[in-house]
C-alpha atoms as a PDB file:
ATOM      1  CA  MET A   1      12.076 -10.408  -6.776  1.00  0.00           C
ATOM      2  CA  ARG A   2      10.548 -13.194  -4.713  1.00  0.00           C
ATOM      3  CA  LEU A   3      12.284 -14.365  -1.592  1.00  0.00           C
ATOM      4  CA  ARG A   4      13.164 -18.024  -1.280  1.00  0.00           C
ATOM      5  CA  LYS A   5      10.234 -19.643   0.529  1.00  0.00           C
ATOM      6  CA  LYS A   6      10.859 -20.345   4.202  1.00  0.00           C
ATOM      7  CA  PRO A   7       8.531 -23.114   5.488  1.00  0.00           C
ATOM      8  CA  TRP A   8       9.163 -22.203   9.127  1.00  0.00           C
ATOM      9  CA  ILE A   9       7.472 -18.825   8.686  1.00  0.00           C
ATOM     10  CA  THR A  10       4.022 -20.434   8.487  1.00  0.00           C
ATOM     11  CA  GLU A  11       4.352 -21.302  12.177  1.00  0.00           C
ATOM     12  CA  ALA A  12       6.473 -18.328  13.245  1.00  0.00           C
ATOM     13  CA  ILE A  13       4.015 -15.739  11.924  1.00  0.00           C
ATOM     14  CA  LYS A  14       1.329 -17.084  14.260  1.00  0.00           C
ATOM     15  CA  GLU A  15       3.201 -15.364  17.086  1.00  0.00           C
ATOM     16  CA  TYR A  16       1.835 -12.075  15.686  1.00  0.00           C
ATOM     17  CA  HIS A  17      -1.773 -13.224  15.412  1.00  0.00           C
ATOM     18  CA  GLU A  18      -3.149 -10.187  17.264  1.00  0.00           C
ATOM     19  CA  PHE A  19      -2.338  -7.926  14.310  1.00  0.00           C
ATOM     20  CA  VAL A  20      -1.481 -10.281  11.404  1.00  0.00           C
ATOM     21  CA  LEU A  21      -4.474 -11.741   9.567  1.00  0.00           C
ATOM     22  CA  THR A  22      -3.483 -14.613   7.303  1.00  0.00           C
ATOM     23  CA  SER A  23      -7.022 -15.567   6.243  1.00  0.00           C
ATOM     24  CA  ALA A  24      -8.819 -12.219   5.995  1.00  0.00           C
ATOM     25  CA  GLY A  25     -11.981 -12.087   3.918  1.00  0.00           C
ATOM     26  CA  SER A  26     -15.399 -10.538   3.418  1.00  0.00           C
ATOM     27  CA  GLU A  27     -16.293 -10.912   7.094  1.00  0.00           C
ATOM     28  CA  LEU A  28     -14.132  -7.839   7.762  1.00  0.00           C
ATOM     29  CA  SER A  29     -15.847  -5.620   5.209  1.00  0.00           C
ATOM     30  CA  GLY A  30     -17.449  -2.705   7.010  1.00  0.00           C
ATOM     31  CA  HIS A  31     -16.032  -3.815  10.366  1.00  0.00           C
ATOM     32  CA  TRP A  32     -12.502  -2.428  10.382  1.00  0.00           C
ATOM     33  CA  ALA A  33     -13.278   0.064  13.137  1.00  0.00           C
ATOM     34  CA  GLU A  34     -14.181  -2.908  15.336  1.00  0.00           C
ATOM     35  CA  GLN A  35     -10.938  -4.647  14.383  1.00  0.00           C
ATOM     36  CA  PHE A  36      -8.983  -1.637  15.675  1.00  0.00           C
ATOM     37  CA  GLY A  37     -11.324  -0.941  18.563  1.00  0.00           C
ATOM     38  CA  ARG A  38     -11.896   2.659  17.517  1.00  0.00           C
ATOM     39  CA  GLN A  39     -13.206   4.962  14.806  1.00  0.00           C
ATOM     40  CA  ALA A  40     -10.379   6.575  12.824  1.00  0.00           C
ATOM     41  CA  PRO A  41      -9.418   7.299   9.194  1.00  0.00           C
ATOM     42  CA  LEU A  42      -8.372   4.088   7.422  1.00  0.00           C
ATOM     43  CA  HIS A  43      -5.203   4.156   5.292  1.00  0.00           C
ATOM     44  CA  VAL A  44      -4.233   1.081   3.271  1.00  0.00           C
ATOM     45  CA  GLU A  45      -0.852   0.220   1.743  1.00  0.00           C
ATOM     46  CA  LEU A  46      -1.114  -2.120  -1.236  1.00  0.00           C
ATOM     47  CA  GLY A  47       2.024  -4.254  -1.261  1.00  0.00           C
ATOM     48  CA  THR A  48       3.566  -3.498   2.102  1.00  0.00           C
ATOM     49  CA  GLY A  49       6.729  -5.587   1.661  1.00  0.00           C
ATOM     50  CA  LYS A  50       8.944  -5.745   4.743  1.00  0.00           C
ATOM     51  CA  GLY A  51       7.085  -2.927   6.425  1.00  0.00           C
ATOM     52  CA  ARG A  52       9.543  -0.054   6.717  1.00  0.00           C
ATOM     53  CA  PHE A  53       7.142   2.456   5.167  1.00  0.00           C
ATOM     54  CA  ILE A  54       3.952   1.547   7.000  1.00  0.00           C
ATOM     55  CA  CYS A  55       5.674   1.271  10.379  1.00  0.00           C
ATOM     56  CA  GLU A  56       7.262   4.709  10.109  1.00  0.00           C
ATOM     57  CA  LEU A  57       3.976   6.166   8.897  1.00  0.00           C
ATOM     58  CA  ALA A  58       1.988   4.581  11.724  1.00  0.00           C
ATOM     59  CA  GLU A  59       4.491   5.809  14.291  1.00  0.00           C
ATOM     60  CA  ARG A  60       4.184   9.378  13.002  1.00  0.00           C
ATOM     61  CA  HIS A  61       0.382   9.229  12.847  1.00  0.00           C
ATOM     62  CA  PRO A  62      -1.072   7.329  15.822  1.00  0.00           C
ATOM     63  CA  GLU A  63      -4.461   8.938  15.115  1.00  0.00           C
ATOM     64  CA  ILE A  64      -4.865   6.874  11.914  1.00  0.00           C
ATOM     65  CA  ASN A  65      -5.619   3.165  11.451  1.00  0.00           C
ATOM     66  CA  PHE A  66      -3.254   1.503   8.964  1.00  0.00           C
ATOM     67  CA  ILE A  67      -3.614  -1.731   7.007  1.00  0.00           C
ATOM     68  CA  GLY A  68      -0.717  -3.289   5.118  1.00  0.00           C
ATOM     69  CA  ILE A  69      -1.624  -5.826   2.431  1.00  0.00           C
ATOM     70  CA  GLU A  70       0.990  -8.242   1.089  1.00  0.00           C
ATOM     71  CA  ALA A  71       0.506 -11.378  -1.000  1.00  0.00           C
ATOM     72  CA  GLN A  72       3.709 -13.059   0.199  1.00  0.00           C
ATOM     73  CA  GLN A  73       3.515 -14.319   3.756  1.00  0.00           C
ATOM     74  CA  ASP A  74       7.287 -14.843   3.864  1.00  0.00           C
ATOM     75  CA  VAL A  75       7.774 -11.114   3.229  1.00  0.00           C
ATOM     76  CA  LEU A  76       5.034  -9.949   5.580  1.00  0.00           C
ATOM     77  CA  PHE A  77       6.679 -11.801   8.466  1.00  0.00           C
ATOM     78  CA  TYR A  78       9.448  -9.188   8.535  1.00  0.00           C
ATOM     79  CA  ALA A  79       6.893  -6.384   8.575  1.00  0.00           C
ATOM     80  CA  ALA A  80       5.224  -8.087  11.537  1.00  0.00           C
ATOM     81  CA  LYS A  81       8.527  -8.111  13.420  1.00  0.00           C
ATOM     82  CA  LYS A  82       8.853  -4.348  12.911  1.00  0.00           C
ATOM     83  CA  VAL A  83       5.312  -3.716  14.129  1.00  0.00           C
ATOM     84  CA  ARG A  84       5.991  -5.714  17.295  1.00  0.00           C
ATOM     85  CA  GLU A  85       9.352  -4.042  17.927  1.00  0.00           C
ATOM     86  CA  ARG A  86       7.745  -0.576  17.702  1.00  0.00           C
ATOM     87  CA  ASN A  87       4.647  -1.618  19.662  1.00  0.00           C
ATOM     88  CA  LEU A  88       2.339  -0.167  17.019  1.00  0.00           C
ATOM     89  CA  THR A  89      -1.290  -0.723  17.980  1.00  0.00           C
ATOM     90  CA  ASN A  90      -2.666   1.115  14.936  1.00  0.00           C
ATOM     91  CA  VAL A  91      -1.429  -1.378  12.312  1.00  0.00           C
ATOM     92  CA  ARG A  92      -2.981  -4.551  10.931  1.00  0.00           C
ATOM     93  CA  LEU A  93      -1.159  -6.715   8.375  1.00  0.00           C
ATOM     94  CA  LEU A  94      -2.904  -8.981   5.886  1.00  0.00           C
ATOM     95  CA  VAL A  95      -1.820 -11.838   3.665  1.00  0.00           C
ATOM     96  CA  PHE A  96      -4.191 -11.146   0.788  1.00  0.00           C
ATOM     97  CA  ASP A  97      -4.526 -11.009  -3.007  1.00  0.00           C
ATOM     98  CA  ILE A  98      -5.178  -7.397  -4.005  1.00  0.00           C
ATOM     99  CA  ASN A  99      -7.156  -8.591  -7.028  1.00  0.00           C
ATOM    100  CA  ASN A 100      -9.936  -9.454  -4.577  1.00  0.00           C
ATOM    101  CA  ILE A 101      -9.832  -6.163  -2.684  1.00  0.00           C
ATOM    102  CA  LEU A 102     -13.549  -5.460  -3.184  1.00  0.00           C
ATOM    103  CA  GLU A 103     -14.233  -8.286  -0.727  1.00  0.00           C
ATOM    104  CA  LEU A 104     -12.183  -6.657   2.008  1.00  0.00           C
ATOM    105  CA  PHE A 105     -13.738  -3.225   2.498  1.00  0.00           C
ATOM    106  CA  ALA A 106     -17.177  -1.664   2.375  1.00  0.00           C
ATOM    107  CA  PRO A 107     -17.904   1.191  -0.049  1.00  0.00           C
ATOM    108  CA  GLY A 108     -16.432   4.412   1.308  1.00  0.00           C
ATOM    109  CA  GLU A 109     -14.610   2.675   4.170  1.00  0.00           C
ATOM    110  CA  VAL A 110     -11.076   3.654   3.059  1.00  0.00           C
ATOM    111  CA  THR A 111      -9.648   7.178   3.295  1.00  0.00           C
ATOM    112  CA  ARG A 112      -6.366   6.684   1.438  1.00  0.00           C
ATOM    113  CA  PHE A 113      -4.448   4.050  -0.525  1.00  0.00           C
ATOM    114  CA  TYR A 114      -0.655   3.909  -0.853  1.00  0.00           C
ATOM    115  CA  ILE A 115       1.071   2.133  -3.728  1.00  0.00           C
ATOM    116  CA  ASN A 116       4.848   2.066  -3.453  1.00  0.00           C
ATOM    117  CA  PHE A 117       7.101   0.482  -6.097  1.00  0.00           C
ATOM    118  CA  CYS A 118       4.609  -2.070  -7.336  1.00  0.00           C
ATOM    119  CA  ASP A 119       5.451  -4.628 -10.011  1.00  0.00           C
ATOM    120  CA  PRO A 120       5.545  -2.672 -13.321  1.00  0.00           C
ATOM    121  CA  TRP A 121       4.409  -5.649 -15.427  1.00  0.00           C
ATOM    122  CA  PRO A 122       6.318  -4.190 -18.414  1.00  0.00           C
ATOM    123  CA  LYS A 123       4.788  -6.358 -21.145  1.00  0.00           C
ATOM    124  CA  ALA A 124       1.796  -4.726 -22.830  1.00  0.00           C
ATOM    125  CA  ARG A 125      -0.310  -7.866 -22.543  1.00  0.00           C
ATOM    126  CA  HIS A 126       0.048  -7.681 -18.746  1.00  0.00           C
ATOM    127  CA  ALA A 127      -1.104  -4.053 -18.424  1.00  0.00           C
ATOM    128  CA  LYS A 128      -4.300  -5.014 -16.598  1.00  0.00           C
ATOM    129  CA  ARG A 129      -2.194  -6.454 -13.776  1.00  0.00           C
ATOM    130  CA  ARG A 130      -0.648  -3.081 -12.967  1.00  0.00           C
ATOM    131  CA  LEU A 131      -2.089  -1.704  -9.734  1.00  0.00           C
ATOM    132  CA  THR A 132      -2.704   1.655 -11.406  1.00  0.00           C
ATOM    133  CA  HIS A 133      -4.644   0.210 -14.349  1.00  0.00           C
ATOM    134  CA  ALA A 134      -8.166   1.546 -14.880  1.00  0.00           C
ATOM    135  CA  GLY A 135      -9.601  -1.757 -13.675  1.00  0.00           C
ATOM    136  CA  PHE A 136      -7.990  -1.319 -10.270  1.00  0.00           C
ATOM    137  CA  LEU A 137      -8.798   2.391 -10.167  1.00  0.00           C
ATOM    138  CA  GLY A 138     -12.474   1.491 -10.457  1.00  0.00           C
ATOM    139  CA  LYS A 139     -12.152  -0.756  -7.423  1.00  0.00           C
ATOM    140  CA  TYR A 140     -10.367   1.914  -5.415  1.00  0.00           C
ATOM    141  CA  ARG A 141     -13.055   4.447  -6.332  1.00  0.00           C
ATOM    142  CA  HIS A 142     -15.713   2.081  -5.006  1.00  0.00           C
ATOM    143  CA  LEU A 143     -13.911   1.650  -1.677  1.00  0.00           C
ATOM    144  CA  LEU A 144     -12.711   5.213  -1.072  1.00  0.00           C
ATOM    145  CA  GLN A 145     -14.767   7.839   0.671  1.00  0.00           C
ATOM    146  CA  LYS A 146     -15.669  10.944  -1.323  1.00  0.00           C
ATOM    147  CA  GLY A 147     -12.469  12.888  -1.929  1.00  0.00           C
ATOM    148  CA  GLY A 148     -10.346   9.855  -1.022  1.00  0.00           C
ATOM    149  CA  GLN A 149      -6.725   9.700  -2.108  1.00  0.00           C
ATOM    150  CA  LEU A 150      -4.144   7.465  -3.735  1.00  0.00           C
ATOM    151  CA  PHE A 151      -0.456   8.196  -3.086  1.00  0.00           C
ATOM    152  CA  PHE A 152       1.781   6.560  -5.696  1.00  0.00           C
ATOM    153  CA  LYS A 153       5.580   6.163  -5.909  1.00  0.00           C
ATOM    154  CA  THR A 154       7.733   4.273  -8.393  1.00  0.00           C
ATOM    155  CA  ASP A 155      11.218   4.355  -9.864  1.00  0.00           C
ATOM    156  CA  ASN A 156       9.846   3.007 -13.151  1.00  0.00           C
ATOM    157  CA  ARG A 157       9.230   5.946 -15.493  1.00  0.00           C
ATOM    158  CA  PRO A 158       7.251   3.997 -18.132  1.00  0.00           C
ATOM    159  CA  LEU A 159       4.919   2.727 -15.378  1.00  0.00           C
ATOM    160  CA  PHE A 160       4.572   6.247 -13.997  1.00  0.00           C
ATOM    161  CA  ASP A 161       3.710   7.696 -17.415  1.00  0.00           C
ATOM    162  CA  PHE A 162       1.187   4.901 -17.981  1.00  0.00           C
ATOM    163  CA  SER A 163      -0.335   5.574 -14.560  1.00  0.00           C
ATOM    164  CA  LEU A 164      -0.706   9.294 -15.205  1.00  0.00           C
ATOM    165  CA  GLU A 165      -2.593   8.479 -18.394  1.00  0.00           C
ATOM    166  CA  GLN A 166      -4.874   6.094 -16.508  1.00  0.00           C
ATOM    167  CA  PHE A 167      -5.533   8.680 -13.791  1.00  0.00           C
ATOM    168  CA  ALA A 168      -6.411  11.321 -16.387  1.00  0.00           C
ATOM    169  CA  GLU A 169      -8.728   9.003 -18.311  1.00  0.00           C
ATOM    170  CA  ALA A 170     -10.522   8.186 -15.053  1.00  0.00           C
ATOM    171  CA  ASP A 171     -11.074  11.924 -14.415  1.00  0.00           C
ATOM    172  CA  LEU A 172      -8.972  11.874 -11.266  1.00  0.00           C
ATOM    173  CA  LYS A 173      -7.202  14.971  -9.968  1.00  0.00           C
ATOM    174  CA  ILE A 174      -3.399  14.711  -9.925  1.00  0.00           C
ATOM    175  CA  GLU A 175      -1.492  16.739  -7.334  1.00  0.00           C
ATOM    176  CA  GLU A 176       2.066  16.994  -5.961  1.00  0.00           C
ATOM    177  CA  LEU A 177       3.522  15.524  -9.144  1.00  0.00           C
ATOM    178  CA  THR A 178       7.301  15.059  -9.304  1.00  0.00           C
ATOM    179  CA  TYR A 179       9.690  13.033 -11.429  1.00  0.00           C
ATOM    180  CA  ASP A 180      12.546  13.435  -8.961  1.00  0.00           C
ATOM    181  CA  LEU A 181      11.143  13.153  -5.441  1.00  0.00           C
ATOM    182  CA  HIS A 182      14.423  13.402  -3.539  1.00  0.00           C
ATOM    183  CA  HIS A 183      15.284  16.719  -5.191  1.00  0.00           C
ATOM    184  CA  SER A 184      11.780  18.178  -5.004  1.00  0.00           C
ATOM    185  CA  GLY A 185      12.024  19.764  -1.578  1.00  0.00           C
ATOM    186  CA  VAL A 186       9.645  17.307   0.112  1.00  0.00           C
ATOM    187  CA  GLU A 187      10.812  16.992   3.711  1.00  0.00           C
ATOM    188  CA  ASP A 188       8.498  14.353   5.203  1.00  0.00           C
ATOM    189  CA  ASN A 189       9.004  11.581   2.655  1.00  0.00           C
ATOM    190  CA  ILE A 190       9.187   8.084   4.145  1.00  0.00           C
ATOM    191  CA  MET A 191      11.334   5.683   2.135  1.00  0.00           C
ATOM    192  CA  THR A 192      10.636   2.017   1.570  1.00  0.00           C
ATOM    193  CA  GLU A 193      13.507  -0.484   1.698  1.00  0.00           C
ATOM    194  CA  TYR A 194      13.530  -0.571  -2.098  1.00  0.00           C
ATOM    195  CA  GLU A 195      13.502   3.219  -2.378  1.00  0.00           C
ATOM    196  CA  ALA A 196      16.418   3.655   0.025  1.00  0.00           C
ATOM    197  CA  LYS A 197      18.531   1.184  -1.921  1.00  0.00           C
ATOM    198  CA  PHE A 198      17.956   2.534  -5.400  1.00  0.00           C
ATOM    199  CA  SER A 199      17.803   6.245  -4.594  1.00  0.00           C
ATOM    200  CA  SER A 200      21.259   5.879  -3.027  1.00  0.00           C
ATOM    201  CA  GLN A 201      22.412   4.739  -6.466  1.00  0.00           C
ATOM    202  CA  GLY A 202      21.032   7.899  -8.068  1.00  0.00           C
ATOM    203  CA  VAL A 203      17.797   6.410  -9.397  1.00  0.00           C
ATOM    204  CA  LYS A 204      15.077   9.059  -9.664  1.00  0.00           C
ATOM    205  CA  ILE A 205      11.814   8.456  -7.830  1.00  0.00           C
ATOM    206  CA  ASN A 206       8.494   9.482  -9.358  1.00  0.00           C
ATOM    207  CA  ARG A 207       5.599  10.401  -7.079  1.00  0.00           C
ATOM    208  CA  CYS A 208       2.108  11.864  -7.223  1.00  0.00           C
ATOM    209  CA  GLU A 209      -1.014  12.236  -5.131  1.00  0.00           C
ATOM    210  CA  VAL A 210      -4.347  11.413  -6.766  1.00  0.00           C
ATOM    211  CA  ILE A 211      -7.740  12.641  -5.590  1.00  0.00           C
ATOM    212  CA  PHE A 212     -10.931  10.671  -6.299  1.00  0.00           C
ATOM    213  CA  PRO A 213     -13.826  13.167  -6.698  1.00  0.00           C
END
């Protein structure tokens, strides 16, 4: 669901210019270590929303550089507030269209992608828009280092089943597969805002880790 557009955010988000990039492009490809001022593994969340997940992750793992990509600036503003409040120096946030992700990173520059509760695009004619469609998987493969990973979570079982089929057809290795994450014994799971809301209502969360050979 899209938030009602807030015109004031266009100015307010500029306050976070040191870690929020609203016009990122190909000039950053291959130069993310310079953007962070250090060499470190690069983990990227595709669709970072209001930032609960990436902020908790970055706080737990200061040794990793994190990038959160979100198409909606009005949503990303709230993630920026969380980054500032926690004083996280290992996070960069981008207003960016994931369809153009090949422009943003050099081949092999990314260590891991996270996709959490993406739009399921339930109509068959929209399948290519799903972030786990083979078309996107090809882009991720190009950008990931050898043995790179994709961590995927969704409450939408049809999307999850579709994704597993796409992973298998792409000859990717599927690990840590569960159809009920919160009853699987995983102790270090970090919940998104969406996940916290719906899991409290008894909705089952599907999750898997995918390895790109």
